Amino acid sequence: MGSMGDFVPICCVCFKVRDDTNMEAGKGLWVDLNTYAVSRQLPLSYEFVFTHGYCPDCIAQYHERMPANRPSNIERQCDTERIKL
């Protein structure tokens, strides 16, 4: 295995990869894996080494949906009082 440059960040939700080619590390565009392989002139059989994370679009969707999944303060307070009883 080589340097950190050999690792390809991949979104664990949509499976896009970040292409940092000719950009500051961490600032690249998130693209489809096939697009990435073609732009790097790599065969699709190339053995990528992935590091998982989230692309900006998926993390934004997560943050938008998160409040809907949180119980309100009142529900949490009721649950706490039931445990004390």
N, C-alpha and C. Protein backbone atom coordinates (compact mmCIF):
# COMPACT_ATOMS: atom_id res chain seq x y z
N MET A 1 0.85 -1.18 0.00
CA MET A 1 0.00 0.00 0.00
C MET A 1 0.89 1.24 0.00
N GLY A 2 0.45 2.26 -0.66
CA GLY A 2 1.25 3.47 -0.80
C GLY A 2 0.89 4.55 0.19
N SER A 3 0.88 5.77 -0.29
CA SER A 3 0.64 6.93 0.57
C SER A 3 -0.85 7.18 0.75
N MET A 4 -1.16 8.21 1.56
CA MET A 4 -2.56 8.59 1.77
C MET A 4 -3.22 9.00 0.47
N GLY A 5 -2.45 9.41 -0.52
CA GLY A 5 -3.00 9.77 -1.81
C GLY A 5 -3.64 8.59 -2.53
N ASP A 6 -3.32 7.37 -2.07
CA ASP A 6 -3.89 6.17 -2.67
C ASP A 6 -5.30 5.88 -2.16
N PHE A 7 -5.72 6.52 -1.09
CA PHE A 7 -7.04 6.31 -0.52
C PHE A 7 -8.06 7.18 -1.25
N VAL A 8 -9.22 6.60 -1.53
CA VAL A 8 -10.29 7.32 -2.22
C VAL A 8 -11.45 7.48 -1.25
N PRO A 9 -11.77 8.72 -0.84
CA PRO A 9 -12.92 8.94 0.04
C PRO A 9 -14.21 8.61 -0.71
N ILE A 10 -15.07 7.80 -0.09
CA ILE A 10 -16.35 7.41 -0.71
C ILE A 10 -17.48 7.68 0.28
N CYS A 11 -18.57 8.22 -0.21
CA CYS A 11 -19.74 8.50 0.63
C CYS A 11 -20.44 7.17 0.93
N CYS A 12 -20.67 6.89 2.19
CA CYS A 12 -21.30 5.61 2.55
C CYS A 12 -22.82 5.64 2.38
N VAL A 13 -23.38 6.73 1.85
CA VAL A 13 -24.81 6.78 1.56
C VAL A 13 -25.04 6.68 0.05
N CYS A 14 -24.43 7.57 -0.73
CA CYS A 14 -24.70 7.61 -2.18
C CYS A 14 -23.58 6.98 -3.01
N PHE A 15 -22.45 6.65 -2.38
CA PHE A 15 -21.31 5.99 -3.02
C PHE A 15 -20.59 6.84 -4.06
N LYS A 16 -20.74 8.17 -3.98
CA LYS A 16 -19.91 9.04 -4.81
C LYS A 16 -18.53 9.09 -4.17
N VAL A 17 -17.52 9.38 -4.98
CA VAL A 17 -16.16 9.49 -4.48
C VAL A 17 -15.67 10.92 -4.65
N ARG A 18 -14.74 11.32 -3.78
CA ARG A 18 -14.19 12.67 -3.87
C ARG A 18 -12.93 12.63 -4.71
N ASP A 19 -12.90 13.46 -5.73
CA ASP A 19 -11.76 13.55 -6.63
C ASP A 19 -10.94 14.78 -6.27
N ASP A 20 -9.84 14.56 -5.58
CA ASP A 20 -8.97 15.65 -5.16
C ASP A 20 -7.86 15.94 -6.17
N THR A 21 -7.97 15.37 -7.38
CA THR A 21 -6.95 15.59 -8.40
C THR A 21 -6.79 17.08 -8.69
N ASN A 22 -5.56 17.55 -8.59
CA ASN A 22 -5.21 18.96 -8.86
C ASN A 22 -5.93 19.93 -7.92
N MET A 23 -6.31 19.47 -6.75
CA MET A 23 -6.99 20.33 -5.77
C MET A 23 -6.37 20.09 -4.40
N GLU A 24 -6.61 21.02 -3.50
CA GLU A 24 -6.18 20.85 -2.12
C GLU A 24 -6.92 19.64 -1.54
N ALA A 25 -6.20 18.83 -0.77
CA ALA A 25 -6.80 17.62 -0.19
C ALA A 25 -8.08 17.97 0.58
N GLY A 26 -9.13 17.24 0.30
CA GLY A 26 -10.41 17.45 0.97
C GLY A 26 -11.30 18.47 0.29
N LYS A 27 -10.85 19.09 -0.78
CA LYS A 27 -11.61 20.15 -1.45
C LYS A 27 -12.15 19.72 -2.82
N GLY A 28 -11.94 18.45 -3.19
CA GLY A 28 -12.34 17.98 -4.52
C GLY A 28 -13.84 17.83 -4.68
N LEU A 29 -14.24 17.61 -5.91
CA LEU A 29 -15.65 17.40 -6.23
C LEU A 29 -16.04 15.96 -5.96
N TRP A 30 -17.30 15.74 -5.58
CA TRP A 30 -17.83 14.40 -5.35
C TRP A 30 -18.47 13.95 -6.66
N VAL A 31 -17.97 12.84 -7.20
CA VAL A 31 -18.41 12.35 -8.50
C VAL A 31 -18.68 10.84 -8.43
N ASP A 32 -19.39 10.36 -9.44
CA ASP A 32 -19.64 8.94 -9.61
C ASP A 32 -18.31 8.20 -9.76
N LEU A 33 -18.23 6.98 -9.24
CA LEU A 33 -17.00 6.20 -9.31
C LEU A 33 -16.54 5.98 -10.74
N ASN A 34 -17.46 5.70 -11.66
CA ASN A 34 -17.08 5.51 -13.06
C ASN A 34 -16.47 6.78 -13.64
N THR A 35 -17.06 7.93 -13.32
CA THR A 35 -16.53 9.22 -13.78
C THR A 35 -15.13 9.43 -13.24
N TYR A 36 -14.93 9.09 -11.97
CA TYR A 36 -13.62 9.22 -11.34
C TYR A 36 -12.58 8.34 -12.04
N ALA A 37 -12.95 7.08 -12.30
CA ALA A 37 -12.02 6.15 -12.93
C ALA A 37 -11.65 6.62 -14.34
N VAL A 38 -12.64 7.11 -15.08
CA VAL A 38 -12.38 7.58 -16.45
C VAL A 38 -11.49 8.82 -16.42
N SER A 39 -11.78 9.75 -15.50
CA SER A 39 -10.98 10.98 -15.44
C SER A 39 -9.53 10.70 -15.04
N ARG A 40 -9.33 9.66 -14.25
CA ARG A 40 -7.97 9.28 -13.84
C ARG A 40 -7.35 8.29 -14.81
N GLN A 41 -8.10 7.92 -15.84
CA GLN A 41 -7.67 6.94 -16.85
C GLN A 41 -7.29 5.61 -16.21
N LEU A 42 -8.15 5.16 -15.28
CA LEU A 42 -7.94 3.89 -14.60
C LEU A 42 -8.96 2.87 -15.11
N PRO A 43 -8.56 1.62 -15.24
CA PRO A 43 -9.54 0.60 -15.63
C PRO A 43 -10.52 0.37 -14.48
N LEU A 44 -11.75 -0.03 -14.81
CA LEU A 44 -12.74 -0.28 -13.76
C LEU A 44 -12.33 -1.46 -12.87
N SER A 45 -11.38 -2.26 -13.34
CA SER A 45 -10.89 -3.38 -12.54
C SER A 45 -9.82 -2.93 -11.53
N TYR A 46 -9.45 -1.65 -11.58
CA TYR A 46 -8.45 -1.10 -10.66
C TYR A 46 -8.90 -1.33 -9.22
N GLU A 47 -8.00 -1.73 -8.36
CA GLU A 47 -8.35 -2.01 -6.96
C GLU A 47 -8.20 -0.74 -6.12
N PHE A 48 -9.30 -0.03 -5.97
CA PHE A 48 -9.32 1.18 -5.17
C PHE A 48 -9.22 0.84 -3.69
N VAL A 49 -8.63 1.74 -2.91
CA VAL A 49 -8.61 1.62 -1.46
C VAL A 49 -9.50 2.75 -0.94
N PHE A 50 -10.67 2.38 -0.42
CA PHE A 50 -11.67 3.37 -0.02
C PHE A 50 -11.56 3.72 1.45
N THR A 51 -11.85 4.97 1.73
CA THR A 51 -12.02 5.43 3.09
C THR A 51 -13.41 6.05 3.14
N HIS A 52 -14.22 5.62 4.10
CA HIS A 52 -15.63 6.00 4.11
C HIS A 52 -15.89 7.30 4.85
N GLY A 53 -16.89 8.01 4.39
CA GLY A 53 -17.31 9.26 4.99
C GLY A 53 -18.65 9.65 4.39
N TYR A 54 -18.95 10.93 4.39
CA TYR A 54 -20.20 11.45 3.84
C TYR A 54 -19.89 12.62 2.91
N CYS A 55 -20.58 12.64 1.77
CA CYS A 55 -20.43 13.79 0.87
C CYS A 55 -21.26 14.95 1.43
N PRO A 56 -21.00 16.18 1.01
CA PRO A 56 -21.75 17.33 1.53
C PRO A 56 -23.26 17.23 1.31
N ASP A 57 -23.70 16.67 0.18
CA ASP A 57 -25.13 16.55 -0.09
C ASP A 57 -25.81 15.60 0.91
N CYS A 58 -25.19 14.47 1.17
CA CYS A 58 -25.79 13.48 2.09
C CYS A 58 -25.76 13.97 3.53
N ILE A 59 -24.70 14.66 3.93
CA ILE A 59 -24.66 15.17 5.30
C ILE A 59 -25.70 16.28 5.48
N ALA A 60 -25.95 17.07 4.45
CA ALA A 60 -26.98 18.11 4.52
C ALA A 60 -28.36 17.48 4.66
N GLN A 61 -28.62 16.41 3.89
CA GLN A 61 -29.90 15.72 4.01
C GLN A 61 -30.07 15.11 5.39
N TYR A 62 -29.00 14.58 5.94
CA TYR A 62 -29.04 13.99 7.28
C TYR A 62 -29.42 15.06 8.30
N HIS A 63 -28.79 16.22 8.22
CA HIS A 63 -29.07 17.29 9.17
C HIS A 63 -30.49 17.82 9.02
N GLU A 64 -31.03 17.82 7.79
CA GLU A 64 -32.40 18.26 7.56
C GLU A 64 -33.41 17.30 8.19
N ARG A 65 -33.13 16.00 8.10
CA ARG A 65 -34.07 15.00 8.61
C ARG A 65 -33.92 14.74 10.10
N MET A 66 -32.78 15.04 10.66
CA MET A 66 -32.50 14.71 12.05
C MET A 66 -33.50 15.29 13.04
N PRO A 67 -33.90 16.56 12.96
CA PRO A 67 -34.86 17.08 13.93
C PRO A 67 -36.18 16.31 13.94
N ALA A 68 -36.60 15.77 12.81
CA ALA A 68 -37.85 15.01 12.75
C ALA A 68 -37.75 13.71 13.54
N ASN A 69 -36.54 13.21 13.74
CA ASN A 69 -36.34 11.95 14.46
C ASN A 69 -36.07 12.15 15.94
N ARG A 70 -35.92 13.37 16.37
CA ARG A 70 -35.64 13.64 17.79
C ARG A 70 -36.94 13.81 18.55
N PRO A 71 -37.06 13.17 19.72
CA PRO A 71 -38.25 13.42 20.53
C PRO A 71 -38.21 14.84 21.09
N SER A 72 -39.36 15.41 21.28
CA SER A 72 -39.39 16.77 21.82
C SER A 72 -38.92 16.75 23.28
N ASN A 73 -38.61 17.92 23.80
CA ASN A 73 -38.17 18.02 25.18
C ASN A 73 -39.23 17.49 26.13
N ILE A 74 -40.51 17.69 25.81
CA ILE A 74 -41.59 17.22 26.68
C ILE A 74 -41.60 15.70 26.74
N GLU A 75 -41.46 15.04 25.61
CA GLU A 75 -41.43 13.59 25.59
C GLU A 75 -40.26 13.06 26.40
N ARG A 76 -39.09 13.68 26.27
CA ARG A 76 -37.93 13.24 27.03
C ARG A 76 -38.16 13.45 28.51
N GLN A 77 -38.78 14.56 28.86
CA GLN A 77 -39.06 14.84 30.27
C GLN A 77 -40.02 13.81 30.83
N CYS A 78 -41.05 13.45 30.09
CA CYS A 78 -42.02 12.43 30.54
C CYS A 78 -41.33 11.09 30.72
N ASP A 79 -40.48 10.71 29.77
CA ASP A 79 -39.76 9.45 29.88
C ASP A 79 -38.87 9.42 31.12
N THR A 80 -38.22 10.52 31.43
CA THR A 80 -37.36 10.61 32.59
C THR A 80 -38.18 10.46 33.87
N GLU A 81 -39.36 11.11 33.92
CA GLU A 81 -40.20 11.02 35.10
C GLU A 81 -40.74 9.60 35.29
N ARG A 82 -41.06 8.90 34.21
CA ARG A 82 -41.53 7.53 34.33
C ARG A 82 -40.44 6.63 34.88
N ILE A 83 -39.21 6.86 34.51
CA ILE A 83 -38.11 6.05 35.02
C ILE A 83 -37.96 6.27 36.52
N LYS A 84 -38.15 7.50 37.00
CA LYS A 84 -38.02 7.79 38.42
C LYS A 84 -39.11 7.10 39.24
N LEU A 85 -40.31 6.91 38.65
CA LEU A 85 -41.41 6.29 39.37
C LEU A 85 -41.11 4.85 39.54
